Amino acid sequence: MMPKVNHILFVCRQNQMRSRTAETIFGETEHYICRSAGLSKHAPVHLDKSIIDWADIIFVMQEKHKRSICNSFPLEASIKAIIVLDIEDHYYFMEPALVELLETKVRPYLDTLSI
């Protein structure tokens, strides 16, 4: 029997800095696959119902992102684990400080998926 592969979604407002960095650094392993999306209609990957349905776990950068998801997709959000990382919007893509912060906050969750 093949092990379950978890689908991990990272969400921020624009899907250009924080969530894209998270998707890039965590990528894909035998235990999970990562994607990212943004809440803004101008985001390269705009969050929609199909992406939420795909996700097993959703990491959002700020509490306001969780509220937005819960307001826009109440049914889908009610059955998902949504974890707030508390990472403010003042980093650029792959900025070392952002990478370190994501590693510190996200890695403990992902490590439990490989047990």
N, C-alpha and C. Protein backbone atom coordinates (compact mmCIF):
# COMPACT_ATOMS: atom_id res chain seq x y z
N MET A 1 0.84 -1.19 0.00
CA MET A 1 0.00 0.00 0.00
C MET A 1 0.88 1.25 0.00
N MET A 2 0.54 2.19 -0.85
CA MET A 2 1.33 3.43 -0.96
C MET A 2 0.98 4.36 0.20
N PRO A 3 1.98 5.06 0.76
CA PRO A 3 1.69 6.02 1.83
C PRO A 3 0.93 7.21 1.29
N LYS A 4 0.12 7.82 2.15
CA LYS A 4 -0.64 9.01 1.76
C LYS A 4 0.32 10.17 1.53
N VAL A 5 0.11 10.88 0.45
CA VAL A 5 0.87 12.10 0.18
C VAL A 5 -0.03 13.28 0.54
N ASN A 6 0.42 14.09 1.48
CA ASN A 6 -0.35 15.24 1.93
C ASN A 6 -0.17 16.41 0.97
N HIS A 7 -1.24 17.15 0.79
CA HIS A 7 -1.21 18.35 -0.05
C HIS A 7 -1.18 19.57 0.85
N ILE A 8 -0.11 20.34 0.73
CA ILE A 8 0.13 21.51 1.57
C ILE A 8 -0.05 22.77 0.72
N LEU A 9 -0.86 23.69 1.23
CA LEU A 9 -1.12 24.95 0.52
C LEU A 9 -0.64 26.12 1.37
N PHE A 10 0.12 27.02 0.75
CA PHE A 10 0.56 28.25 1.40
C PHE A 10 -0.19 29.42 0.76
N VAL A 11 -0.73 30.30 1.60
CA VAL A 11 -1.53 31.42 1.10
C VAL A 11 -1.06 32.73 1.71
N CYS A 12 -0.92 33.74 0.85
CA CYS A 12 -0.71 35.12 1.29
C CYS A 12 -1.57 36.00 0.38
N ARG A 13 -1.35 37.27 0.40
CA ARG A 13 -2.21 38.16 -0.37
C ARG A 13 -1.90 38.12 -1.86
N GLN A 14 -0.64 38.35 -2.23
CA GLN A 14 -0.28 38.50 -3.64
C GLN A 14 0.30 37.26 -4.30
N ASN A 15 0.68 36.25 -3.51
CA ASN A 15 1.31 35.04 -4.04
C ASN A 15 2.56 35.38 -4.85
N GLN A 16 3.34 36.33 -4.33
CA GLN A 16 4.57 36.70 -5.00
C GLN A 16 5.80 36.56 -4.11
N MET A 17 5.66 36.78 -2.82
CA MET A 17 6.81 36.74 -1.93
C MET A 17 6.72 35.59 -0.93
N ARG A 18 5.85 35.72 0.06
CA ARG A 18 5.82 34.77 1.18
C ARG A 18 5.35 33.38 0.78
N SER A 19 4.18 33.28 0.19
CA SER A 19 3.66 31.94 -0.13
C SER A 19 4.48 31.27 -1.23
N ARG A 20 4.95 32.04 -2.20
CA ARG A 20 5.80 31.46 -3.25
C ARG A 20 7.13 30.99 -2.68
N THR A 21 7.68 31.75 -1.74
CA THR A 21 8.92 31.32 -1.10
C THR A 21 8.69 30.00 -0.38
N ALA A 22 7.59 29.91 0.37
CA ALA A 22 7.29 28.67 1.09
C ALA A 22 7.14 27.49 0.13
N GLU A 23 6.40 27.69 -0.95
CA GLU A 23 6.24 26.62 -1.94
C GLU A 23 7.59 26.20 -2.50
N THR A 24 8.45 27.17 -2.77
CA THR A 24 9.76 26.89 -3.34
C THR A 24 10.65 26.11 -2.38
N ILE A 25 10.71 26.54 -1.13
CA ILE A 25 11.66 25.89 -0.22
C ILE A 25 11.17 24.53 0.27
N PHE A 26 9.87 24.32 0.39
CA PHE A 26 9.38 23.04 0.87
C PHE A 26 9.07 22.06 -0.26
N GLY A 27 8.71 22.58 -1.41
CA GLY A 27 8.57 21.78 -2.62
C GLY A 27 7.76 20.51 -2.50
N GLU A 28 8.41 19.39 -2.77
CA GLU A 28 7.73 18.10 -2.83
C GLU A 28 8.65 17.04 -2.25
N THR A 29 8.09 16.17 -1.43
CA THR A 29 8.81 15.02 -0.89
C THR A 29 7.93 13.79 -1.09
N GLU A 30 8.37 12.67 -0.57
CA GLU A 30 7.53 11.47 -0.65
C GLU A 30 6.30 11.59 0.25
N HIS A 31 6.31 12.56 1.17
CA HIS A 31 5.23 12.71 2.14
C HIS A 31 4.27 13.86 1.84
N TYR A 32 4.70 14.83 1.06
CA TYR A 32 3.83 15.97 0.78
C TYR A 32 4.20 16.65 -0.53
N ILE A 33 3.20 17.37 -1.06
CA ILE A 33 3.36 18.22 -2.25
C ILE A 33 2.87 19.60 -1.85
N CYS A 34 3.61 20.63 -2.21
CA CYS A 34 3.24 22.00 -1.84
C CYS A 34 2.81 22.80 -3.06
N ARG A 35 1.83 23.67 -2.82
CA ARG A 35 1.41 24.66 -3.80
C ARG A 35 1.22 25.97 -3.06
N SER A 36 1.07 27.06 -3.81
CA SER A 36 0.79 28.35 -3.18
C SER A 36 -0.25 29.09 -4.00
N ALA A 37 -0.91 30.04 -3.31
CA ALA A 37 -1.94 30.85 -3.97
C ALA A 37 -2.07 32.16 -3.22
N GLY A 38 -2.70 33.13 -3.88
CA GLY A 38 -2.91 34.43 -3.28
C GLY A 38 -4.38 34.79 -3.23
N LEU A 39 -4.72 35.66 -2.30
CA LEU A 39 -6.11 36.10 -2.14
C LEU A 39 -6.49 37.22 -3.11
N SER A 40 -5.51 37.98 -3.57
CA SER A 40 -5.77 39.08 -4.49
C SER A 40 -6.17 38.55 -5.86
N LYS A 41 -7.10 39.25 -6.50
CA LYS A 41 -7.48 38.84 -7.86
C LYS A 41 -6.32 39.02 -8.84
N HIS A 42 -5.28 39.76 -8.43
CA HIS A 42 -4.12 39.98 -9.28
C HIS A 42 -2.99 38.97 -9.02
N ALA A 43 -3.20 38.06 -8.09
CA ALA A 43 -2.18 37.06 -7.76
C ALA A 43 -1.95 36.15 -8.96
N PRO A 44 -0.70 35.73 -9.18
CA PRO A 44 -0.42 34.80 -10.29
C PRO A 44 -1.25 33.52 -10.20
N VAL A 45 -1.42 33.00 -8.99
CA VAL A 45 -2.31 31.88 -8.74
C VAL A 45 -3.34 32.37 -7.73
N HIS A 46 -4.55 32.60 -8.20
CA HIS A 46 -5.61 33.13 -7.34
C HIS A 46 -6.29 31.98 -6.60
N LEU A 47 -6.44 32.12 -5.30
CA LEU A 47 -7.09 31.09 -4.48
C LEU A 47 -8.53 30.89 -4.95
N ASP A 48 -8.89 29.63 -5.15
CA ASP A 48 -10.27 29.30 -5.51
C ASP A 48 -10.67 28.00 -4.83
N LYS A 49 -11.90 27.62 -5.02
CA LYS A 49 -12.45 26.43 -4.37
C LYS A 49 -11.65 25.18 -4.71
N SER A 50 -11.24 25.03 -5.95
CA SER A 50 -10.54 23.81 -6.35
C SER A 50 -9.20 23.66 -5.63
N ILE A 51 -8.51 24.77 -5.42
CA ILE A 51 -7.22 24.71 -4.72
C ILE A 51 -7.45 24.37 -3.24
N ILE A 52 -8.47 24.95 -2.65
CA ILE A 52 -8.79 24.63 -1.26
C ILE A 52 -9.19 23.16 -1.14
N ASP A 53 -10.00 22.68 -2.06
CA ASP A 53 -10.39 21.27 -2.04
C ASP A 53 -9.18 20.35 -2.16
N TRP A 54 -8.19 20.75 -2.95
CA TRP A 54 -6.97 19.96 -3.15
C TRP A 54 -6.17 19.85 -1.85
N ALA A 55 -6.16 20.90 -1.05
CA ALA A 55 -5.29 20.98 0.12
C ALA A 55 -5.78 20.13 1.28
N ASP A 56 -4.81 19.52 1.97
CA ASP A 56 -5.09 18.85 3.24
C ASP A 56 -4.83 19.81 4.40
N ILE A 57 -3.79 20.61 4.27
CA ILE A 57 -3.40 21.58 5.29
C ILE A 57 -3.15 22.91 4.59
N ILE A 58 -3.65 23.99 5.19
CA ILE A 58 -3.46 25.32 4.63
C ILE A 58 -2.68 26.16 5.64
N PHE A 59 -1.56 26.71 5.18
CA PHE A 59 -0.79 27.65 5.98
C PHE A 59 -1.04 29.04 5.43
N VAL A 60 -1.47 29.95 6.29
CA VAL A 60 -1.66 31.34 5.89
C VAL A 60 -0.63 32.19 6.62
N MET A 61 -0.27 33.29 6.01
CA MET A 61 0.78 34.12 6.59
C MET A 61 0.27 34.99 7.74
N GLN A 62 -1.00 35.42 7.68
CA GLN A 62 -1.54 36.31 8.70
C GLN A 62 -2.98 35.90 9.02
N GLU A 63 -3.42 36.29 10.20
CA GLU A 63 -4.79 35.98 10.66
C GLU A 63 -5.84 36.51 9.67
N LYS A 64 -5.58 37.68 9.08
CA LYS A 64 -6.55 38.24 8.13
C LYS A 64 -6.72 37.34 6.90
N HIS A 65 -5.70 36.58 6.55
CA HIS A 65 -5.82 35.65 5.43
C HIS A 65 -6.75 34.50 5.80
N LYS A 66 -6.64 34.01 7.02
CA LYS A 66 -7.54 32.95 7.48
C LYS A 66 -8.98 33.45 7.49
N ARG A 67 -9.20 34.65 8.00
CA ARG A 67 -10.56 35.22 8.02
C ARG A 67 -11.11 35.34 6.61
N SER A 68 -10.29 35.78 5.68
CA SER A 68 -10.73 35.93 4.29
C SER A 68 -11.14 34.58 3.68
N ILE A 69 -10.34 33.57 3.94
CA ILE A 69 -10.67 32.23 3.43
C ILE A 69 -11.97 31.73 4.06
N CYS A 70 -12.10 31.89 5.36
CA CYS A 70 -13.31 31.44 6.06
C CYS A 70 -14.55 32.20 5.59
N ASN A 71 -14.40 33.48 5.26
CA ASN A 71 -15.54 34.27 4.77
C ASN A 71 -15.89 33.93 3.33
N SER A 72 -14.88 33.73 2.50
CA SER A 72 -15.12 33.47 1.07
C SER A 72 -15.48 32.02 0.77
N PHE A 73 -14.96 31.10 1.58
CA PHE A 73 -15.18 29.67 1.35
C PHE A 73 -15.56 28.98 2.66
N PRO A 74 -16.70 29.36 3.26
CA PRO A 74 -17.02 28.87 4.60
C PRO A 74 -17.14 27.35 4.70
N LEU A 75 -17.76 26.72 3.74
CA LEU A 75 -17.93 25.27 3.79
C LEU A 75 -16.58 24.56 3.68
N GLU A 76 -15.80 24.94 2.69
CA GLU A 76 -14.51 24.31 2.46
C GLU A 76 -13.57 24.56 3.64
N ALA A 77 -13.56 25.79 4.15
CA ALA A 77 -12.66 26.15 5.25
C ALA A 77 -13.02 25.42 6.53
N SER A 78 -14.30 25.10 6.70
CA SER A 78 -14.73 24.46 7.95
C SER A 78 -14.17 23.06 8.12
N ILE A 79 -13.72 22.44 7.04
CA ILE A 79 -13.20 21.08 7.14
C ILE A 79 -11.69 20.99 6.89
N LYS A 80 -11.02 22.14 6.88
CA LYS A 80 -9.58 22.18 6.64
C LYS A 80 -8.84 22.65 7.88
N ALA A 81 -7.63 22.14 8.05
CA ALA A 81 -6.73 22.69 9.07
C ALA A 81 -6.10 23.93 8.46
N ILE A 82 -6.34 25.09 9.08
CA ILE A 82 -5.76 26.35 8.61
C ILE A 82 -4.86 26.87 9.72
N ILE A 83 -3.58 26.97 9.42
CA ILE A 83 -2.59 27.35 10.41
C ILE A 83 -2.05 28.74 10.09
N VAL A 84 -2.13 29.64 11.06
CA VAL A 84 -1.65 31.01 10.89
C VAL A 84 -0.19 31.07 11.32
N LEU A 85 0.67 31.54 10.42
CA LEU A 85 2.11 31.60 10.69
C LEU A 85 2.56 32.92 11.30
N ASP A 86 1.74 33.95 11.25
CA ASP A 86 2.11 35.28 11.76
C ASP A 86 3.40 35.80 11.13
N ILE A 87 3.41 35.84 9.81
CA ILE A 87 4.55 36.39 9.07
C ILE A 87 4.06 37.61 8.30
N GLU A 88 4.54 38.76 8.69
CA GLU A 88 4.12 40.03 8.10
C GLU A 88 4.61 40.18 6.65
N ASP A 89 4.02 41.11 5.94
CA ASP A 89 4.30 41.33 4.52
C ASP A 89 5.40 42.37 4.33
N HIS A 90 6.62 42.03 4.71
CA HIS A 90 7.74 42.95 4.46
C HIS A 90 9.00 42.18 4.06
N TYR A 91 8.82 41.09 3.34
CA TYR A 91 9.93 40.29 2.85
C TYR A 91 9.87 40.23 1.34
N TYR A 92 11.00 39.94 0.72
CA TYR A 92 11.01 39.70 -0.71
C TYR A 92 11.20 38.21 -0.96
N PHE A 93 10.98 37.78 -2.20
CA PHE A 93 11.05 36.37 -2.58
C PHE A 93 12.41 35.79 -2.23
N MET A 94 12.40 34.70 -1.47
CA MET A 94 13.59 33.94 -1.07
C MET A 94 14.56 34.74 -0.19
N GLU A 95 14.09 35.81 0.43
CA GLU A 95 14.92 36.56 1.37
C GLU A 95 15.36 35.61 2.48
N PRO A 96 16.65 35.58 2.80
CA PRO A 96 17.15 34.64 3.81
C PRO A 96 16.38 34.69 5.14
N ALA A 97 16.02 35.88 5.59
CA ALA A 97 15.28 35.99 6.86
C ALA A 97 13.90 35.34 6.73
N LEU A 98 13.26 35.46 5.57
CA LEU A 98 11.97 34.83 5.34
C LEU A 98 12.12 33.31 5.29
N VAL A 99 13.14 32.84 4.60
CA VAL A 99 13.39 31.40 4.52
C VAL A 99 13.59 30.82 5.92
N GLU A 100 14.39 31.49 6.73
CA GLU A 100 14.65 31.03 8.08
C GLU A 100 13.37 31.02 8.92
N LEU A 101 12.57 32.06 8.80
CA LEU A 101 11.31 32.15 9.54
C LEU A 101 10.35 31.03 9.13
N LEU A 102 10.22 30.80 7.84
CA LEU A 102 9.35 29.73 7.36
C LEU A 102 9.84 28.37 7.84
N GLU A 103 11.13 28.14 7.75
CA GLU A 103 11.70 26.87 8.23
C GLU A 103 11.36 26.65 9.70
N THR A 104 11.51 27.69 10.51
CA THR A 104 11.25 27.60 11.94
C THR A 104 9.78 27.32 12.23
N LYS A 105 8.89 27.98 11.50
CA LYS A 105 7.47 27.89 11.80
C LYS A 105 6.76 26.72 11.12
N VAL A 106 7.22 26.33 9.93
CA VAL A 106 6.51 25.30 9.16
C VAL A 106 7.12 23.92 9.34
N ARG A 107 8.44 23.84 9.42
CA ARG A 107 9.12 22.53 9.46
C ARG A 107 8.57 21.59 10.54
N PRO A 108 8.27 22.05 11.75
CA PRO A 108 7.72 21.12 12.76
C PRO A 108 6.42 20.43 12.30
N TYR A 109 5.58 21.14 11.59
CA TYR A 109 4.34 20.54 11.07
C TYR A 109 4.66 19.50 9.98
N LEU A 110 5.56 19.87 9.08
CA LEU A 110 5.88 18.96 7.98
C LEU A 110 6.62 17.72 8.47
N ASP A 111 7.43 17.88 9.51
CA ASP A 111 8.16 16.73 10.04
C ASP A 111 7.20 15.68 10.60
N THR A 112 6.06 16.10 11.11
CA THR A 112 5.09 15.13 11.64
C THR A 112 4.45 14.32 10.51
N LEU A 113 4.48 14.83 9.28
CA LEU A 113 3.89 14.11 8.16
C LEU A 113 4.76 12.95 7.72
N SER A 114 6.04 12.98 8.06
CA SER A 114 6.96 11.94 7.62
C SER A 114 7.14 10.84 8.65
N ILE A 115 6.39 10.91 9.74
CA ILE A 115 6.52 9.89 10.80
C ILE A 115 5.69 8.68 10.42
